Amino acid sequence: MNRIWRLVIVLASLLVDAESRARHREQWLADLEGAAEADIAPSGVALGALRTVPSINPHRGASMPIKPIGPLAIALKHTHAGQRQMAIIAVLAITLLAVGIGLLVW
């Protein structure tokens, strides 16, 4: 059964960009070997590796795994690179505060 999960990991590593393919394959195979010691199912390791491929593949065209929408998108569009972290925190805090007040009033 381990051969099947090794094959899934090898196939997942083929979907990653060429520069980091060998590194990811080595790490995922080592995780598969150590899964028994950590009492983790080998299927979880292999399928987890397969699930992470889209987020680490730079050829997908997106610099962020999830595109920002609503107030967060507006804040990111109108801030400079150095201010983005503060803008994200501010927008999320204001949004959470507004939702909390809305729930109390409703």
C-alpha atoms as a PDB file:
ATOM      1  CA  MET A   1       0.000   0.000   0.000  1.00  0.00           C
ATOM      2  CA  ASN A   2       2.905   2.332   0.663  1.00  0.00           C
ATOM      3  CA  ARG A   3       3.904   2.045  -2.997  1.00  0.00           C
ATOM      4  CA  ILE A   4       0.628   3.614  -4.050  1.00  0.00           C
ATOM      5  CA  TRP A   5       1.148   6.599  -1.740  1.00  0.00           C
ATOM      6  CA  ARG A   6       4.755   6.935  -2.904  1.00  0.00           C
ATOM      7  CA  LEU A   7       3.458   7.058  -6.479  1.00  0.00           C
ATOM      8  CA  VAL A   8       0.947   9.774  -5.524  1.00  0.00           C
ATOM      9  CA  ILE A   9       3.765  11.834  -4.003  1.00  0.00           C
ATOM     10  CA  VAL A  10       5.996  11.371  -7.044  1.00  0.00           C
ATOM     11  CA  LEU A  11       3.131  12.457  -9.303  1.00  0.00           C
ATOM     12  CA  ALA A  12       2.417  15.457  -7.068  1.00  0.00           C
ATOM     13  CA  SER A  13       6.074  16.482  -7.239  1.00  0.00           C
ATOM     14  CA  LEU A  14       5.898  16.396 -11.031  1.00  0.00           C
ATOM     15  CA  LEU A  15       3.245  19.116 -10.868  1.00  0.00           C
ATOM     16  CA  VAL A  16       5.567  21.472  -8.981  1.00  0.00           C
ATOM     17  CA  ASP A  17       7.955  23.811 -10.797  1.00  0.00           C
ATOM     18  CA  ALA A  18      11.243  22.276 -11.898  1.00  0.00           C
ATOM     19  CA  GLU A  19      13.419  24.314  -9.521  1.00  0.00           C
ATOM     20  CA  SER A  20      11.829  22.947  -6.355  1.00  0.00           C
ATOM     21  CA  ARG A  21      10.619  19.560  -7.619  1.00  0.00           C
ATOM     22  CA  ALA A  22      13.412  17.471  -6.097  1.00  0.00           C
ATOM     23  CA  ARG A  23      13.229  19.268  -2.751  1.00  0.00           C
ATOM     24  CA  HIS A  24       9.481  18.801  -2.405  1.00  0.00           C
ATOM     25  CA  ARG A  25       9.662  15.153  -3.483  1.00  0.00           C
ATOM     26  CA  GLU A  26      12.378  14.451  -0.917  1.00  0.00           C
ATOM     27  CA  GLN A  27      10.478  16.220   1.884  1.00  0.00           C
ATOM     28  CA  TRP A  28       7.167  14.534   1.082  1.00  0.00           C
ATOM     29  CA  LEU A  29       8.741  11.091   0.838  1.00  0.00           C
ATOM     30  CA  ALA A  30      10.484  11.642   4.181  1.00  0.00           C
ATOM     31  CA  ASP A  31       7.141  12.703   5.658  1.00  0.00           C
ATOM     32  CA  LEU A  32       5.599   9.519   4.288  1.00  0.00           C
ATOM     33  CA  GLU A  33       8.323   7.394   5.882  1.00  0.00           C
ATOM     34  CA  GLY A  34       7.933   9.151   9.243  1.00  0.00           C
ATOM     35  CA  ALA A  35       4.138   9.036   9.193  1.00  0.00           C
ATOM     36  CA  ALA A  36       3.996   5.648  10.945  1.00  0.00           C
ATOM     37  CA  GLU A  37       6.075   6.921  13.866  1.00  0.00           C
ATOM     38  CA  ALA A  38       3.784   9.919  14.296  1.00  0.00           C
ATOM     39  CA  ASP A  39       0.674   7.729  13.988  1.00  0.00           C
ATOM     40  CA  ILE A  40      -0.453   9.531  10.819  1.00  0.00           C
ATOM     41  CA  ALA A  41      -2.105   7.700   7.947  1.00  0.00           C
ATOM     42  CA  PRO A  42       0.119   7.510   4.855  1.00  0.00           C
ATOM     43  CA  SER A  43      -2.888   8.445   2.745  1.00  0.00           C
ATOM     44  CA  GLY A  44      -3.159  11.737   4.640  1.00  0.00           C
ATOM     45  CA  VAL A  45       0.461  12.602   3.897  1.00  0.00           C
ATOM     46  CA  ALA A  46       0.184  11.732   0.205  1.00  0.00           C
ATOM     47  CA  LEU A  47      -3.132  13.489  -0.342  1.00  0.00           C
ATOM     48  CA  GLY A  48      -1.911  16.470   1.667  1.00  0.00           C
ATOM     49  CA  ALA A  49       1.078  16.769  -0.647  1.00  0.00           C
ATOM     50  CA  LEU A  50      -1.241  16.620  -3.625  1.00  0.00           C
ATOM     51  CA  ARG A  51      -3.482  19.299  -2.106  1.00  0.00           C
ATOM     52  CA  THR A  52      -0.598  21.717  -1.548  1.00  0.00           C
ATOM     53  CA  VAL A  53       0.588  21.671  -5.155  1.00  0.00           C
ATOM     54  CA  PRO A  54      -1.658  24.533  -6.378  1.00  0.00           C
ATOM     55  CA  SER A  55      -0.545  26.836  -3.575  1.00  0.00           C
ATOM     56  CA  ILE A  56       3.189  26.326  -4.202  1.00  0.00           C
ATOM     57  CA  ASN A  57       3.093  26.345  -7.982  1.00  0.00           C
ATOM     58  CA  PRO A  58       4.188  29.799  -9.199  1.00  0.00           C
ATOM     59  CA  HIS A  59       2.866  29.143 -12.702  1.00  0.00           C
ATOM     60  CA  ARG A  60      -0.719  29.551 -11.553  1.00  0.00           C
ATOM     61  CA  GLY A  61      -0.460  33.308 -12.076  1.00  0.00           C
ATOM     62  CA  ALA A  62      -1.720  34.373  -8.661  1.00  0.00           C
ATOM     63  CA  SER A  63       0.599  35.811  -6.061  1.00  0.00           C
ATOM     64  CA  MET A  64      -1.977  35.190  -3.333  1.00  0.00           C
ATOM     65  CA  PRO A  65      -3.704  31.842  -2.812  1.00  0.00           C
ATOM     66  CA  ILE A  66      -7.020  33.613  -2.195  1.00  0.00           C
ATOM     67  CA  LYS A  67      -7.926  36.793  -4.030  1.00  0.00           C
ATOM     68  CA  PRO A  68      -8.943  39.585  -1.642  1.00  0.00           C
ATOM     69  CA  ILE A  69     -12.509  40.819  -1.962  1.00  0.00           C
ATOM     70  CA  GLY A  70     -14.559  43.652  -0.505  1.00  0.00           C
ATOM     71  CA  PRO A  71     -12.942  46.075   1.946  1.00  0.00           C
ATOM     72  CA  LEU A  72      -9.722  44.083   2.009  1.00  0.00           C
ATOM     73  CA  ALA A  73      -9.290  44.430  -1.761  1.00  0.00           C
ATOM     74  CA  ILE A  74      -9.832  48.174  -1.555  1.00  0.00           C
ATOM     75  CA  ALA A  75      -7.281  48.507   1.253  1.00  0.00           C
ATOM     76  CA  LEU A  76      -4.685  46.460  -0.636  1.00  0.00           C
ATOM     77  CA  LYS A  77      -5.229  48.400  -3.853  1.00  0.00           C
ATOM     78  CA  HIS A  78      -4.681  51.797  -2.230  1.00  0.00           C
ATOM     79  CA  THR A  79      -1.682  51.037  -0.016  1.00  0.00           C
ATOM     80  CA  HIS A  80       2.013  50.645  -0.696  1.00  0.00           C
ATOM     81  CA  ALA A  81       3.846  47.368  -0.176  1.00  0.00           C
ATOM     82  CA  GLY A  82       5.270  48.448   3.182  1.00  0.00           C
ATOM     83  CA  GLN A  83       1.871  49.467   4.549  1.00  0.00           C
ATOM     84  CA  ARG A  84      -0.115  46.417   3.436  1.00  0.00           C
ATOM     85  CA  GLN A  85       0.252  44.438   6.628  1.00  0.00           C
ATOM     86  CA  MET A  86      -1.122  47.314   8.712  1.00  0.00           C
ATOM     87  CA  ALA A  87      -3.927  47.888   6.191  1.00  0.00           C
ATOM     88  CA  ILE A  88      -4.955  44.229   6.379  1.00  0.00           C
ATOM     89  CA  ILE A  89      -5.004  44.299  10.181  1.00  0.00           C
ATOM     90  CA  ALA A  90      -6.977  47.561  10.240  1.00  0.00           C
ATOM     91  CA  VAL A  91      -9.575  46.411   7.716  1.00  0.00           C
ATOM     92  CA  LEU A  92     -10.073  43.066   9.424  1.00  0.00           C
ATOM     93  CA  ALA A  93     -10.394  44.713  12.848  1.00  0.00           C
ATOM     94  CA  ILE A  94     -12.928  47.270  11.583  1.00  0.00           C
ATOM     95  CA  THR A  95     -14.896  44.560   9.767  1.00  0.00           C
ATOM     96  CA  LEU A  96     -14.998  42.339  12.863  1.00  0.00           C
ATOM     97  CA  LEU A  97     -16.063  45.301  14.996  1.00  0.00           C
ATOM     98  CA  ALA A  98     -18.852  46.195  12.550  1.00  0.00           C
ATOM     99  CA  VAL A  99     -20.077  42.591  12.434  1.00  0.00           C
ATOM    100  CA  GLY A 100     -20.028  42.389  16.238  1.00  0.00           C
ATOM    101  CA  ILE A 101     -22.014  45.585  16.596  1.00  0.00           C
ATOM    102  CA  GLY A 102     -24.421  44.389  13.925  1.00  0.00           C
ATOM    103  CA  LEU A 103     -25.004  41.140  15.791  1.00  0.00           C
ATOM    104  CA  LEU A 104     -25.630  42.993  19.057  1.00  0.00           C
ATOM    105  CA  VAL A 105     -28.121  45.365  17.476  1.00  0.00           C
ATOM    106  CA  TRP A 106     -29.896  42.718  15.449  1.00  0.00           C
END
